[in-house]
Amino acid sequence: MSVRGGALAAVAAFLVAAPARAQITNSYGYDYEARYGKPVDVSITDLVFNPDSYRDRAVRTRGRLDLGASGSRNYQLQDSLSAAVRIFPLPEVAANFESEAPTMLGQDVQVTGVFQVADSSARIAGGSAPVGTIQFWGYVGPPEREGKGPLKALELSLQALVTGAGKRDGQTLRVVGQFRGRNLFGDLPVRSQSDSADWVIKDDLFAVWVTGRKPKGDGWELDPKLKRDTGKWIEVVGRPETRGGLTYLRAIRVSLTTAPSATAKAQPPPSPPEKPPVPPVVVFALPLDGDAEVPPDSRFRVQFSKDMDRASFEGRVLLRYVGPTRPGDRTFDAVTLSYDEGRRALTVDPGDVLRPGREVELLLLPGIADVEGLALVTRPGRSAGEAVDLLRYRVGL
């Protein structure tokens, strides 16, 4: 018998004897896998003609969804060679499947479940191999048509989607995450993958399975098996479904994008507005400004609020006696200046003995500036006349 003819006979055999459904009580798909093993990918034709090889094993197969001979709510999958198996949803997916099945009839559907062999009365005519059924805990329907133009979708972070598991099921959402390949980094339980083509996106600590579409688009394609392709940011528009506390996002559209603002690389805060430049000012003097008993051999030290330009003192520091010139007064022609950068202090050495009982003025003239070029200003509340700043002393007797 030809493969096509045998497969048609297998479909006819469904009408004669439908196998009873086994009682399986585990709650989630990966619990079933713990019992029946990791699903193997197999064609419907292979199941029909080699059923004993897959008896009571977890399998994954796909085919065109059709109604069974018994009418509504009885479904079968048929491949291109007309081989077919009956399928039954297990309780946790039954409600969703029953509601979606009418819209998926005649389209390509994948199921993951346990394959069970029919009794001997349901053997294919002429032969050799019994038919069977798949009781499935996972299914993937045909990809939704993407359509043209923008898709209306609620923008949601992966954190909000995962922490609110189940609250958004069935809604059309737009989420963004980093491509993690086929769970290459163990972000999700190994046995939670419902389809060999599923892949993972993750943002911070939150990850979901993406199913229904490959990670590719116009001008780009990522390989779920290669770590070197991971790390790209992908926007997924799709509808979530929660199974076993995990989120599966059935994609309608995928595209490359940039990191969402919440997890984007932190940008430095904008620079604060520049403060107005602060000019230098005299902050301290020794002897103290106004001292009435300075020694005749005194040297004067003046400290500034900022680092000063050493060269700006040249020709702009004047020492003189107050009042009219008296007999014996000498000009301070031998004054020397030295500047200590660490202390921001200028030392003025008169180069002569000061005359006892006289008043002496130390004048800081216009043009003295700090290293930034800002000119020295008068101390608050002081008046210096022709000078910028002025310090006055009386020489002791």
Protein backbone atom coordinates (compact mmCIF):
# COMPACT_ATOMS: atom_id res chain seq x y z
CA MET A 1 0.00 0.00 0.00
CA SER A 2 1.29 3.49 -0.80
CA VAL A 3 1.97 5.97 1.98
CA ARG A 4 -0.87 8.19 0.76
CA GLY A 5 -3.30 5.28 0.54
CA GLY A 6 -2.32 3.95 3.94
CA ALA A 7 -2.68 7.37 5.49
CA LEU A 8 -6.20 7.74 4.07
CA ALA A 9 -7.06 4.37 5.53
CA ALA A 10 -5.76 5.61 8.86
CA VAL A 11 -8.17 8.53 8.74
CA ALA A 12 -11.02 6.17 7.94
CA ALA A 13 -10.06 4.01 10.88
CA PHE A 14 -10.76 6.94 13.21
CA LEU A 15 -14.43 6.51 12.40
CA VAL A 16 -14.36 2.91 13.58
CA ALA A 17 -12.66 3.10 16.94
CA ALA A 18 -11.58 6.21 18.83
CA PRO A 19 -9.16 5.43 21.65
CA ALA A 20 -10.13 6.37 25.17
CA ARG A 21 -8.42 9.38 26.74
CA ALA A 22 -5.92 8.56 29.49
CA GLN A 23 -6.30 10.17 32.89
CA ILE A 24 -3.35 12.49 33.48
CA THR A 25 -3.49 14.85 36.42
CA ASN A 26 -0.31 16.95 36.29
CA SER A 27 -0.97 20.66 36.01
CA TYR A 28 1.48 22.13 33.52
CA GLY A 29 3.26 21.23 30.33
CA TYR A 30 6.70 20.82 31.83
CA ASP A 31 5.23 18.50 34.51
CA TYR A 32 4.00 16.28 31.70
CA GLU A 33 7.44 16.35 30.20
CA ALA A 34 8.89 15.19 33.50
CA ARG A 35 6.66 12.12 33.14
CA TYR A 36 6.84 11.48 29.39
CA GLY A 37 10.23 12.97 28.53
CA LYS A 38 11.31 15.90 26.41
CA PRO A 39 9.09 16.13 23.30
CA VAL A 40 10.55 14.81 20.07
CA ASP A 41 9.72 16.45 16.76
CA VAL A 42 7.99 13.96 14.49
CA SER A 43 5.78 14.06 11.40
CA ILE A 44 2.21 12.83 11.49
CA THR A 45 3.05 10.27 8.81
CA ASP A 46 5.77 8.82 11.01
CA LEU A 47 3.37 8.61 13.95
CA VAL A 48 0.79 6.79 11.87
CA PHE A 49 3.18 4.27 10.35
CA ASN A 50 5.54 3.81 13.30
CA PRO A 51 3.26 4.26 16.30
CA ASP A 52 5.03 1.84 18.60
CA SER A 53 8.19 3.94 18.40
CA TYR A 54 6.34 6.82 20.04
CA ARG A 55 3.92 4.99 22.34
CA ASP A 56 3.33 7.00 25.56
CA ARG A 57 6.06 9.46 24.64
CA ALA A 58 5.98 13.23 24.48
CA VAL A 59 5.89 14.37 20.85
CA ARG A 60 5.62 17.60 18.93
CA THR A 61 3.99 17.59 15.51
CA ARG A 62 2.09 19.87 13.21
CA GLY A 63 -0.53 19.64 10.51
CA ARG A 64 -3.74 21.12 9.14
CA LEU A 65 -6.47 21.32 11.79
CA ASP A 66 -9.71 19.68 10.73
CA LEU A 67 -12.90 18.50 12.42
CA GLY A 68 -13.04 14.80 13.21
CA ALA A 69 -15.76 12.53 11.84
CA SER A 70 -17.82 12.86 15.02
CA GLY A 71 -18.49 16.56 14.46
CA SER A 72 -17.71 19.65 16.46
CA ARG A 73 -15.25 19.58 19.38
CA ASN A 74 -13.49 16.57 17.84
CA TYR A 75 -10.38 17.56 16.00
CA GLN A 76 -7.60 15.98 14.03
CA LEU A 77 -4.33 17.06 12.43
CA GLN A 78 -3.55 16.01 8.88
CA ASP A 79 -0.26 16.45 7.02
CA SER A 80 0.44 16.97 3.33
CA LEU A 81 0.41 13.19 2.75
CA SER A 82 -3.08 12.93 4.26
CA ALA A 83 -1.84 11.05 7.31
CA ALA A 84 -3.81 12.14 10.36
CA VAL A 85 -4.04 11.79 14.13
CA ARG A 86 -6.79 12.79 16.49
CA ILE A 87 -5.99 15.38 19.12
CA PHE A 88 -7.54 16.20 22.51
CA PRO A 89 -6.64 19.22 24.67
CA LEU A 90 -5.83 18.60 28.32
CA PRO A 91 -7.77 20.64 30.89
CA GLU A 92 -5.35 23.56 31.31
CA VAL A 93 -5.44 24.44 27.60
CA ALA A 94 -8.90 23.18 26.73
CA ALA A 95 -10.78 26.46 27.22
CA ASN A 96 -8.36 28.49 25.11
CA PHE A 97 -8.12 25.85 22.43
CA GLU A 98 -11.86 25.36 22.12
CA SER A 99 -12.38 29.10 21.72
CA GLU A 100 -9.63 29.46 19.11
CA ALA A 101 -10.08 26.21 17.20
CA PRO A 102 -12.95 27.42 14.94
CA THR A 103 -10.73 30.24 13.66
CA MET A 104 -7.81 27.87 13.05
CA LEU A 105 -9.65 25.23 11.02
CA GLY A 106 -7.88 24.51 7.75
CA GLN A 107 -4.69 26.17 8.98
CA ASP A 108 -1.36 24.88 10.19
CA VAL A 109 -1.34 24.07 13.93
CA GLN A 110 1.35 22.53 16.11
CA VAL A 111 0.61 20.48 19.24
CA THR A 112 2.82 19.11 22.00
CA GLY A 113 1.53 16.19 24.05
CA VAL A 114 1.67 12.48 24.75
CA PHE A 115 1.08 10.05 21.88
CA GLN A 116 -1.12 7.06 22.67
CA VAL A 117 -1.65 4.09 20.41
CA ALA A 118 -5.13 2.85 19.53
CA ASP A 119 -6.19 -0.71 20.29
CA SER A 120 -5.77 -3.44 17.68
CA SER A 121 -9.28 -2.97 16.29
CA ALA A 122 -8.23 0.37 14.87
CA ARG A 123 -5.41 -0.88 12.66
CA ILE A 124 -4.82 0.50 9.21
CA ALA A 125 -6.36 -1.59 6.48
CA GLY A 126 -3.93 -4.16 5.15
CA GLY A 127 -1.72 -3.80 7.62
CA SER A 128 0.62 -3.29 10.05
CA ALA A 129 0.44 -0.14 12.16
CA PRO A 130 -2.16 1.09 14.59
CA VAL A 131 -3.34 4.67 14.65
CA GLY A 132 -3.35 6.82 17.77
CA THR A 133 -4.19 10.12 19.43
CA ILE A 134 -2.28 12.99 20.98
CA GLN A 135 -3.47 14.42 24.27
CA PHE A 136 -1.77 17.80 24.20
CA TRP A 137 -0.80 20.36 26.82
CA GLY A 138 0.63 22.91 24.39
CA TYR A 139 -0.33 24.19 20.99
CA VAL A 140 0.78 26.87 18.55
CA GLY A 141 -1.68 28.12 15.99
CA PRO A 142 -0.94 29.70 12.65
CA PRO A 143 0.91 33.03 12.78
CA GLU A 144 -1.45 35.96 12.83
CA ARG A 145 -1.39 38.05 9.72
CA GLU A 146 0.73 41.01 10.47
CA GLY A 147 -1.07 43.41 8.21
CA LYS A 148 0.21 46.76 7.09
CA GLY A 149 0.65 49.97 9.01
CA PRO A 150 0.81 50.50 12.76
CA LEU A 151 -0.70 47.97 15.16
CA LYS A 152 -2.79 49.20 18.03
CA ALA A 153 -1.16 47.78 21.13
CA LEU A 154 -0.72 48.65 24.77
CA GLU A 155 2.90 49.40 25.64
CA LEU A 156 4.02 47.44 28.68
CA SER A 157 7.36 46.66 30.32
CA LEU A 158 8.46 43.05 30.67
CA GLN A 159 8.49 43.59 34.44
CA ALA A 160 4.83 44.58 34.44
CA LEU A 161 3.92 41.69 32.14
CA VAL A 162 5.75 39.03 34.17
CA THR A 163 4.86 40.24 37.65
CA GLY A 164 1.21 40.56 36.61
CA ALA A 165 1.12 37.08 35.08
CA GLY A 166 -2.30 36.32 33.59
CA LYS A 167 -3.73 39.82 33.95
CA ARG A 168 -3.05 40.75 30.32
CA ASP A 169 -3.65 37.38 28.67
CA GLY A 170 -5.23 37.76 25.25
CA GLN A 171 -4.58 41.51 25.00
CA THR A 172 -2.43 42.93 22.24
CA LEU A 173 0.71 44.29 23.87
CA ARG A 174 3.94 45.89 22.77
CA VAL A 175 7.00 44.92 24.86
CA VAL A 176 10.74 45.33 24.44
CA GLY A 177 13.48 42.97 25.58
CA GLN A 178 16.96 41.73 24.77
CA PHE A 179 17.20 38.73 22.49
CA ARG A 180 18.40 35.70 24.50
CA GLY A 181 18.17 33.06 21.80
CA ARG A 182 16.66 29.67 22.51
CA ASN A 183 17.00 30.14 26.28
CA LEU A 184 20.77 30.06 25.82
CA PHE A 185 21.39 31.58 29.25
CA GLY A 186 18.84 29.54 31.23
CA ASP A 187 16.60 32.55 31.89
CA LEU A 188 13.53 30.26 31.95
CA PRO A 189 13.03 26.61 33.02
CA VAL A 190 14.54 24.30 30.43
CA ARG A 191 11.37 22.23 30.04
CA SER A 192 9.09 25.22 29.67
CA GLN A 193 9.80 25.61 25.95
CA SER A 194 6.61 24.73 24.11
CA ASP A 195 8.04 24.78 20.59
CA SER A 196 11.51 24.16 19.21
CA ALA A 197 11.27 27.49 17.38
CA ASP A 198 10.46 29.50 20.53
CA TRP A 199 12.95 32.10 21.73
CA VAL A 200 13.41 34.33 24.76
CA ILE A 201 13.51 38.06 25.40
CA LYS A 202 14.61 39.49 28.72
CA ASP A 203 14.80 42.86 30.43
CA ASP A 204 16.61 43.04 33.77
CA LEU A 205 15.33 39.99 35.73
CA PHE A 206 12.19 39.42 33.67
CA ALA A 207 11.98 37.00 30.73
CA VAL A 208 9.26 35.55 28.51
CA TRP A 209 9.02 33.01 25.72
CA VAL A 210 8.21 34.41 22.27
CA THR A 211 6.37 32.02 19.99
CA GLY A 212 4.71 32.12 16.60
CA ARG A 213 7.32 34.15 14.72
CA LYS A 214 11.02 33.84 14.04
CA PRO A 215 13.38 36.58 15.19
CA LYS A 216 13.74 38.19 11.79
CA GLY A 217 12.39 41.02 9.70
CA ASP A 218 13.22 43.15 6.69
CA GLY A 219 16.98 43.17 6.37
CA TRP A 220 17.77 41.32 9.60
CA GLU A 221 17.64 37.83 11.10
CA LEU A 222 18.96 36.45 14.40
CA ASP A 223 19.91 32.85 15.03
CA PRO A 224 18.38 31.50 18.27
CA LYS A 225 21.19 28.93 18.53
CA LEU A 226 24.06 31.45 18.57
CA LYS A 227 25.09 33.46 21.62
CA ARG A 228 26.82 35.97 19.37
CA ASP A 229 23.38 37.06 18.09
CA THR A 230 22.07 37.73 21.59
CA GLY A 231 21.92 41.13 23.26
CA LYS A 232 20.00 42.88 20.47
CA TRP A 233 16.90 44.75 21.59
CA ILE A 234 13.68 43.49 19.99
CA GLU A 235 10.19 44.92 20.07
CA VAL A 236 7.46 42.28 20.06
CA VAL A 237 3.82 43.00 19.43
CA GLY A 238 1.73 40.03 20.47
CA ARG A 239 -0.74 38.43 22.84
CA PRO A 240 0.43 36.84 26.10
CA GLU A 241 -0.72 33.54 27.51
CA THR A 242 0.17 32.32 31.00
CA ARG A 243 0.89 28.64 31.54
CA GLY A 244 2.33 27.24 34.72
CA GLY A 245 3.14 30.70 36.01
CA LEU A 246 5.23 31.46 32.91
CA THR A 247 4.37 33.94 30.19
CA TYR A 248 4.32 32.96 26.52
CA LEU A 249 4.00 35.84 24.08
CA ARG A 250 2.44 34.87 20.77
CA ALA A 251 4.05 37.32 18.37
CA ILE A 252 2.19 39.21 15.67
CA ARG A 253 5.12 41.42 14.72
CA VAL A 254 8.79 41.58 15.71
CA SER A 255 11.31 44.32 14.95
CA LEU A 256 14.71 45.52 16.04
CA THR A 257 14.66 48.51 18.36
CA THR A 258 16.64 50.26 21.09
CA ALA A 259 16.64 49.73 24.85
CA PRO A 260 13.50 50.93 26.65
CA SER A 261 13.93 54.11 28.67
CA ALA A 262 13.51 52.28 31.97
CA THR A 263 16.54 50.05 31.40
CA ALA A 264 18.41 52.24 28.94
CA LYS A 265 21.94 53.23 29.75
CA ALA A 266 21.84 56.02 32.25
CA GLN A 267 22.68 59.37 30.76
CA PRO A 268 24.64 61.89 32.80
CA PRO A 269 22.42 64.57 34.30
CA PRO A 270 22.44 67.87 32.48
CA SER A 271 25.20 70.16 33.61
CA PRO A 272 24.03 72.69 36.15
CA PRO A 273 23.98 76.26 34.95
CA GLU A 274 27.38 77.81 35.24
CA LYS A 275 27.87 79.81 38.38
CA PRO A 276 28.93 83.39 37.82
CA PRO A 277 32.69 83.69 38.13
CA VAL A 278 33.86 84.62 41.62
CA PRO A 279 36.71 87.15 41.65
CA PRO A 280 39.53 86.95 44.20
CA VAL A 281 39.56 88.96 47.40
CA VAL A 282 41.88 89.44 50.37
CA VAL A 283 40.88 87.06 53.18
CA PHE A 284 43.64 87.47 55.75
CA ALA A 285 46.72 89.55 56.56
CA LEU A 286 49.57 89.26 59.01
CA PRO A 287 50.12 91.52 60.83
CA LEU A 288 46.40 92.04 61.10
CA ASP A 289 45.00 94.87 59.07
CA GLY A 290 44.79 97.96 61.32
CA ASP A 291 47.37 96.67 63.85
CA ALA A 292 48.70 99.70 65.86
CA GLU A 293 51.92 98.13 67.13
CA VAL A 294 53.78 96.46 64.25
CA PRO A 295 57.54 96.06 64.74
CA PRO A 296 59.86 98.32 62.66
CA ASP A 297 61.37 95.22 61.00
CA SER A 298 57.99 93.77 59.98
CA ARG A 299 57.23 91.93 56.77
CA PHE A 300 53.64 91.82 55.55
CA ARG A 301 51.78 88.69 54.41
CA VAL A 302 48.49 88.92 52.51
CA GLN A 303 46.38 85.83 51.80
CA PHE A 304 43.86 85.66 48.93
CA SER A 305 40.69 83.63 48.38
CA LYS A 306 41.92 82.15 45.08
CA ASP A 307 45.11 81.11 43.36
CA MET A 308 46.70 84.28 42.07
CA ASP A 309 48.68 85.09 38.96
CA ARG A 310 52.17 85.69 40.34
CA ALA A 311 53.13 88.00 37.48
CA SER A 312 50.15 90.29 38.09
CA PHE A 313 51.70 91.59 41.35
CA GLU A 314 54.63 93.14 39.53
CA GLY A 315 54.41 96.95 39.73
CA ARG A 316 51.00 96.81 41.42
CA VAL A 317 51.96 96.49 45.11
CA LEU A 318 52.83 99.80 46.79
CA LEU A 319 54.09 100.48 50.30
CA ARG A 320 54.13 104.08 51.60
CA TYR A 321 53.92 106.29 54.68
CA VAL A 322 50.64 108.03 55.32
CA GLY A 323 50.51 111.82 55.24
CA PRO A 324 53.02 114.47 54.14
CA THR A 325 56.63 113.48 53.63
CA ARG A 326 58.73 114.19 56.70
CA PRO A 327 62.45 114.84 57.04
CA GLY A 328 64.28 111.49 56.97
CA ASP A 329 61.50 109.61 55.15
CA ARG A 330 62.79 107.26 52.45
CA THR A 331 60.78 105.74 49.64
CA PHE A 332 60.47 101.97 49.68
CA ASP A 333 62.55 101.39 46.58
CA ALA A 334 63.90 98.04 47.77
CA VAL A 335 60.54 96.32 48.35
CA THR A 336 60.62 92.63 47.37
CA LEU A 337 57.65 90.38 46.71
CA SER A 338 57.32 86.59 46.97
CA TYR A 339 54.22 84.50 46.37
CA ASP A 340 53.47 81.12 48.02
CA GLU A 341 51.11 79.23 45.65
CA GLY A 342 50.23 76.56 48.23
CA ARG A 343 49.05 79.12 50.78
CA ARG A 344 47.89 81.67 48.18
CA ALA A 345 49.90 84.21 50.21
CA LEU A 346 51.91 87.22 49.07
CA THR A 347 54.85 88.34 51.28
CA VAL A 348 55.90 91.99 51.07
CA ASP A 349 59.36 92.78 52.46
CA PRO A 350 59.83 96.59 52.82
CA GLY A 351 63.60 96.27 52.36
CA ASP A 352 64.04 98.95 55.06
CA VAL A 353 63.33 99.55 58.74
CA LEU A 354 59.99 101.21 59.29
CA ARG A 355 60.00 104.51 61.11
CA PRO A 356 58.48 104.19 64.61
CA GLY A 357 55.24 105.99 65.26
CA ARG A 358 54.34 106.33 61.61
CA GLU A 359 51.36 104.90 59.72
CA VAL A 360 52.11 102.67 56.77
CA GLU A 361 49.79 101.75 53.89
CA LEU A 362 50.03 98.64 51.75
CA LEU A 363 48.13 99.26 48.53
CA LEU A 364 47.03 96.60 46.04
CA LEU A 365 46.51 98.39 42.75
CA PRO A 366 44.24 97.60 39.77
CA GLY A 367 45.51 94.81 37.50
CA ILE A 368 46.18 92.18 40.15
CA ALA A 369 44.31 89.01 39.06
CA ASP A 370 43.86 85.32 39.77
CA VAL A 371 45.03 82.48 37.53
CA GLU A 372 41.70 82.58 35.65
CA GLY A 373 42.22 86.23 34.80
CA LEU A 374 39.60 87.56 37.20
CA ALA A 375 40.61 90.87 38.72
CA LEU A 376 41.04 91.37 42.46
CA VAL A 377 38.06 93.13 44.09
CA THR A 378 37.74 95.25 47.23
CA ARG A 379 36.75 93.51 50.43
CA PRO A 380 33.07 94.07 51.32
CA GLY A 381 32.52 97.22 53.33
CA ARG A 382 35.93 98.67 52.55
CA SER A 383 36.96 101.73 50.58
CA ALA A 384 40.39 101.81 49.00
CA GLY A 385 40.28 104.97 46.90
CA GLU A 386 42.72 104.72 44.00
CA ALA A 387 43.65 101.15 45.01
CA VAL A 388 41.62 97.99 44.81
CA ASP A 389 42.42 97.14 48.42
CA LEU A 390 44.37 98.83 51.15
CA LEU A 391 45.85 97.63 54.45
CA ARG A 392 46.99 100.14 57.09
CA TYR A 393 49.33 99.70 60.06
CA ARG A 394 50.94 101.84 62.79
CA VAL A 395 54.58 101.21 63.56
CA GLY A 396 55.34 100.74 67.24
CA LEU A 397 57.82 102.92 69.12
